[in-house]
Amino acid sequence: MKNVLYTIFAISICLMLGKLANYLLAALPASLYGMIIYALFLQLNWFSPDKITKTNQWFIKHMGVCLVPAGMGIINHFQLIQQHGIALVVIIFSSTFILLTVIGYLSERYLITPDNIKSKTPTGSR
């Protein structure tokens, strides 16, 4: 129980600092600032990773309970999904296709160079 309270305290502190950062900077959501601060504090050993690990694993294991409200929000706005469902599907698929195409192109252009291809070619095949 002691580690659970420690973990909740650590997460709460980071979330409050994230809300403060959001208030001052307003570029990212407060929860994202909080996660960045949480990761930073763990890297700096300001929070004990040994005390936090077991509780965090339990939180991750039961994360589905936290996602139920998002599903309920979709159900509450089902009329909007009925009205704009086809447009939503088209937007999701087209944006995914564009993103994968751009990433594939950029990875071929900047990550696969002639030097990389030569170094991977077996010496006996020349």
C-alpha atoms as a PDB file:
ATOM      1  CA  MET A   1       0.000   0.000   0.000  1.00  0.00           C
ATOM      2  CA  LYS A   2       2.903   2.296   0.757  1.00  0.00           C
ATOM      3  CA  ASN A   3       4.259   2.002  -2.817  1.00  0.00           C
ATOM      4  CA  VAL A   4       0.797   2.624  -4.275  1.00  0.00           C
ATOM      5  CA  LEU A   5       0.506   5.910  -2.381  1.00  0.00           C
ATOM      6  CA  TYR A   6       4.057   6.830  -3.395  1.00  0.00           C
ATOM      7  CA  THR A   7       3.243   6.183  -7.065  1.00  0.00           C
ATOM      8  CA  ILE A   8      -0.033   8.106  -6.934  1.00  0.00           C
ATOM      9  CA  PHE A   9       1.795  10.972  -5.226  1.00  0.00           C
ATOM     10  CA  ALA A  10       4.532  10.948  -7.913  1.00  0.00           C
ATOM     11  CA  ILE A  11       2.016  10.911 -10.765  1.00  0.00           C
ATOM     12  CA  SER A  12      -0.074  13.645  -9.110  1.00  0.00           C
ATOM     13  CA  ILE A  13       2.948  15.899  -8.632  1.00  0.00           C
ATOM     14  CA  CYS A  14       3.950  15.440 -12.262  1.00  0.00           C
ATOM     15  CA  LEU A  15       0.409  16.107 -13.470  1.00  0.00           C
ATOM     16  CA  MET A  16       0.203  19.300 -11.387  1.00  0.00           C
ATOM     17  CA  LEU A  17       3.548  20.439 -12.795  1.00  0.00           C
ATOM     18  CA  GLY A  18       2.236  19.547 -16.250  1.00  0.00           C
ATOM     19  CA  LYS A  19      -0.840  21.704 -15.678  1.00  0.00           C
ATOM     20  CA  LEU A  20       1.432  24.548 -14.589  1.00  0.00           C
ATOM     21  CA  ALA A  21       3.589  24.098 -17.707  1.00  0.00           C
ATOM     22  CA  ASN A  22       0.436  24.061 -19.847  1.00  0.00           C
ATOM     23  CA  TYR A  23      -0.743  27.277 -18.203  1.00  0.00           C
ATOM     24  CA  LEU A  24       2.606  28.967 -18.836  1.00  0.00           C
ATOM     25  CA  LEU A  25       3.426  27.553 -22.289  1.00  0.00           C
ATOM     26  CA  ALA A  26       0.088  26.265 -23.653  1.00  0.00           C
ATOM     27  CA  ALA A  27       1.760  24.439 -26.542  1.00  0.00           C
ATOM     28  CA  LEU A  28       0.979  20.866 -25.462  1.00  0.00           C
ATOM     29  CA  PRO A  29      -1.749  19.264 -23.359  1.00  0.00           C
ATOM     30  CA  ALA A  30      -1.116  19.243 -19.607  1.00  0.00           C
ATOM     31  CA  SER A  31      -1.117  15.454 -19.445  1.00  0.00           C
ATOM     32  CA  LEU A  32       1.663  15.285 -22.046  1.00  0.00           C
ATOM     33  CA  TYR A  33       3.759  17.757 -20.083  1.00  0.00           C
ATOM     34  CA  GLY A  34       3.064  15.641 -17.008  1.00  0.00           C
ATOM     35  CA  MET A  35       4.265  12.459 -18.738  1.00  0.00           C
ATOM     36  CA  ILE A  36       7.434  14.207 -19.900  1.00  0.00           C
ATOM     37  CA  ILE A  37       8.109  15.484 -16.382  1.00  0.00           C
ATOM     38  CA  TYR A  38       7.369  12.015 -14.945  1.00  0.00           C
ATOM     39  CA  ALA A  39       9.862  10.392 -17.326  1.00  0.00           C
ATOM     40  CA  LEU A  40      12.429  13.094 -16.568  1.00  0.00           C
ATOM     41  CA  PHE A  41      12.053  12.656 -12.800  1.00  0.00           C
ATOM     42  CA  LEU A  42      12.438   8.885 -13.168  1.00  0.00           C
ATOM     43  CA  GLN A  43      15.592   9.358 -15.275  1.00  0.00           C
ATOM     44  CA  LEU A  44      17.010  11.743 -12.669  1.00  0.00           C
ATOM     45  CA  ASN A  45      16.072   9.275  -9.888  1.00  0.00           C
ATOM     46  CA  TRP A  46      14.005  11.921  -8.102  1.00  0.00           C
ATOM     47  CA  PHE A  47      11.367   9.199  -7.798  1.00  0.00           C
ATOM     48  CA  SER A  48      12.462   5.682  -6.935  1.00  0.00           C
ATOM     49  CA  PRO A  49      11.861   3.390  -9.945  1.00  0.00           C
ATOM     50  CA  ASP A  50      11.899   0.386  -7.600  1.00  0.00           C
ATOM     51  CA  LYS A  51       8.902   1.724  -5.662  1.00  0.00           C
ATOM     52  CA  ILE A  52       6.982   2.786  -8.766  1.00  0.00           C
ATOM     53  CA  THR A  53       7.482  -0.212 -11.076  1.00  0.00           C
ATOM     54  CA  LYS A  54       5.008  -2.666  -9.556  1.00  0.00           C
ATOM     55  CA  THR A  55       2.181  -0.134  -9.257  1.00  0.00           C
ATOM     56  CA  ASN A  56       2.772   1.174 -12.793  1.00  0.00           C
ATOM     57  CA  GLN A  57       2.601  -2.375 -14.135  1.00  0.00           C
ATOM     58  CA  TRP A  58      -0.731  -2.829 -12.342  1.00  0.00           C
ATOM     59  CA  PHE A  59      -2.016   0.462 -13.820  1.00  0.00           C
ATOM     60  CA  ILE A  60      -0.999  -0.625 -17.332  1.00  0.00           C
ATOM     61  CA  LYS A  61      -2.611  -4.034 -16.843  1.00  0.00           C
ATOM     62  CA  HIS A  62      -5.932  -2.388 -15.941  1.00  0.00           C
ATOM     63  CA  MET A  63      -5.744   0.513 -18.407  1.00  0.00           C
ATOM     64  CA  GLY A  64      -8.836  -0.692 -20.290  1.00  0.00           C
ATOM     65  CA  VAL A  65     -11.009   0.548 -17.437  1.00  0.00           C
ATOM     66  CA  CYS A  66      -9.724   4.054 -18.133  1.00  0.00           C
ATOM     67  CA  LEU A  67     -10.641   3.796 -21.813  1.00  0.00           C
ATOM     68  CA  VAL A  68     -14.316   2.991 -21.165  1.00  0.00           C
ATOM     69  CA  PRO A  69     -15.251   6.708 -20.859  1.00  0.00           C
ATOM     70  CA  ALA A  70     -13.847   7.339 -24.360  1.00  0.00           C
ATOM     71  CA  GLY A  71     -16.034   4.545 -25.717  1.00  0.00           C
ATOM     72  CA  MET A  72     -19.030   6.013 -23.923  1.00  0.00           C
ATOM     73  CA  GLY A  73     -18.276   9.388 -25.508  1.00  0.00           C
ATOM     74  CA  ILE A  74     -18.450   7.748 -28.926  1.00  0.00           C
ATOM     75  CA  ILE A  75     -21.801   6.195 -28.033  1.00  0.00           C
ATOM     76  CA  ASN A  76     -23.109   9.560 -26.780  1.00  0.00           C
ATOM     77  CA  HIS A  77     -22.248  11.171 -30.137  1.00  0.00           C
ATOM     78  CA  PHE A  78     -23.409   8.288 -32.295  1.00  0.00           C
ATOM     79  CA  GLN A  79     -25.696  10.577 -34.346  1.00  0.00           C
ATOM     80  CA  LEU A  80     -22.676  12.578 -35.495  1.00  0.00           C
ATOM     81  CA  ILE A  81     -20.932   9.363 -36.488  1.00  0.00           C
ATOM     82  CA  GLN A  82     -24.020   8.308 -38.458  1.00  0.00           C
ATOM     83  CA  GLN A  83     -24.143  11.657 -40.240  1.00  0.00           C
ATOM     84  CA  HIS A  84     -20.442  11.906 -41.027  1.00  0.00           C
ATOM     85  CA  GLY A  85     -19.374   8.240 -40.874  1.00  0.00           C
ATOM     86  CA  ILE A  86     -18.298   7.889 -44.504  1.00  0.00           C
ATOM     87  CA  ALA A  87     -16.326  11.134 -44.357  1.00  0.00           C
ATOM     88  CA  LEU A  88     -14.610   9.969 -41.159  1.00  0.00           C
ATOM     89  CA  VAL A  89     -13.635   6.635 -42.717  1.00  0.00           C
ATOM     90  CA  VAL A  90     -12.315   8.349 -45.858  1.00  0.00           C
ATOM     91  CA  ILE A  91     -10.316  10.848 -43.792  1.00  0.00           C
ATOM     92  CA  ILE A  92      -8.844   8.132 -41.559  1.00  0.00           C
ATOM     93  CA  PHE A  93      -7.809   5.884 -44.456  1.00  0.00           C
ATOM     94  CA  SER A  94      -6.495   8.686 -46.663  1.00  0.00           C
ATOM     95  CA  SER A  95      -4.475  10.323 -43.866  1.00  0.00           C
ATOM     96  CA  THR A  96      -3.030   6.925 -42.904  1.00  0.00           C
ATOM     97  CA  PHE A  97      -2.108   6.223 -46.543  1.00  0.00           C
ATOM     98  CA  ILE A  98      -0.508   9.657 -46.963  1.00  0.00           C
ATOM     99  CA  LEU A  99       1.431   9.296 -43.717  1.00  0.00           C
ATOM    100  CA  LEU A 100       2.756   5.828 -44.613  1.00  0.00           C
ATOM    101  CA  THR A 101       3.669   6.992 -48.124  1.00  0.00           C
ATOM    102  CA  VAL A 102       5.566  10.042 -46.883  1.00  0.00           C
ATOM    103  CA  ILE A 103       7.407   8.063 -44.206  1.00  0.00           C
ATOM    104  CA  GLY A 104       8.296   5.331 -46.722  1.00  0.00           C
ATOM    105  CA  TYR A 105       9.578   7.886 -49.201  1.00  0.00           C
ATOM    106  CA  LEU A 106      11.625   9.755 -46.597  1.00  0.00           C
ATOM    107  CA  SER A 107      13.100   6.560 -45.157  1.00  0.00           C
ATOM    108  CA  GLU A 108      14.169   5.389 -48.632  1.00  0.00           C
ATOM    109  CA  ARG A 109      15.577   8.784 -49.461  1.00  0.00           C
ATOM    110  CA  TYR A 110      17.482   9.496 -46.244  1.00  0.00           C
ATOM    111  CA  LEU A 111      18.052   6.123 -44.569  1.00  0.00           C
ATOM    112  CA  ILE A 112      18.836   3.897 -47.554  1.00  0.00           C
ATOM    113  CA  THR A 113      21.939   5.255 -49.222  1.00  0.00           C
ATOM    114  CA  PRO A 114      24.272   3.648 -51.781  1.00  0.00           C
ATOM    115  CA  ASP A 115      26.841   3.196 -48.986  1.00  0.00           C
ATOM    116  CA  ASN A 116      24.360   1.137 -46.960  1.00  0.00           C
ATOM    117  CA  ILE A 117      23.481  -1.025 -49.965  1.00  0.00           C
ATOM    118  CA  LYS A 118      27.159  -1.712 -50.770  1.00  0.00           C
ATOM    119  CA  SER A 119      27.951  -2.691 -47.202  1.00  0.00           C
ATOM    120  CA  LYS A 120      25.045  -5.166 -47.143  1.00  0.00           C
ATOM    121  CA  THR A 121      25.937  -6.808 -50.494  1.00  0.00           C
ATOM    122  CA  PRO A 122      27.717 -10.156 -50.021  1.00  0.00           C
ATOM    123  CA  THR A 123      31.288 -10.130 -51.365  1.00  0.00           C
ATOM    124  CA  GLY A 124      30.798 -13.289 -53.441  1.00  0.00           C
ATOM    125  CA  SER A 125      27.919 -11.862 -55.521  1.00  0.00           C
ATOM    126  CA  ARG A 126      29.996  -9.227 -57.369  1.00  0.00           C
END
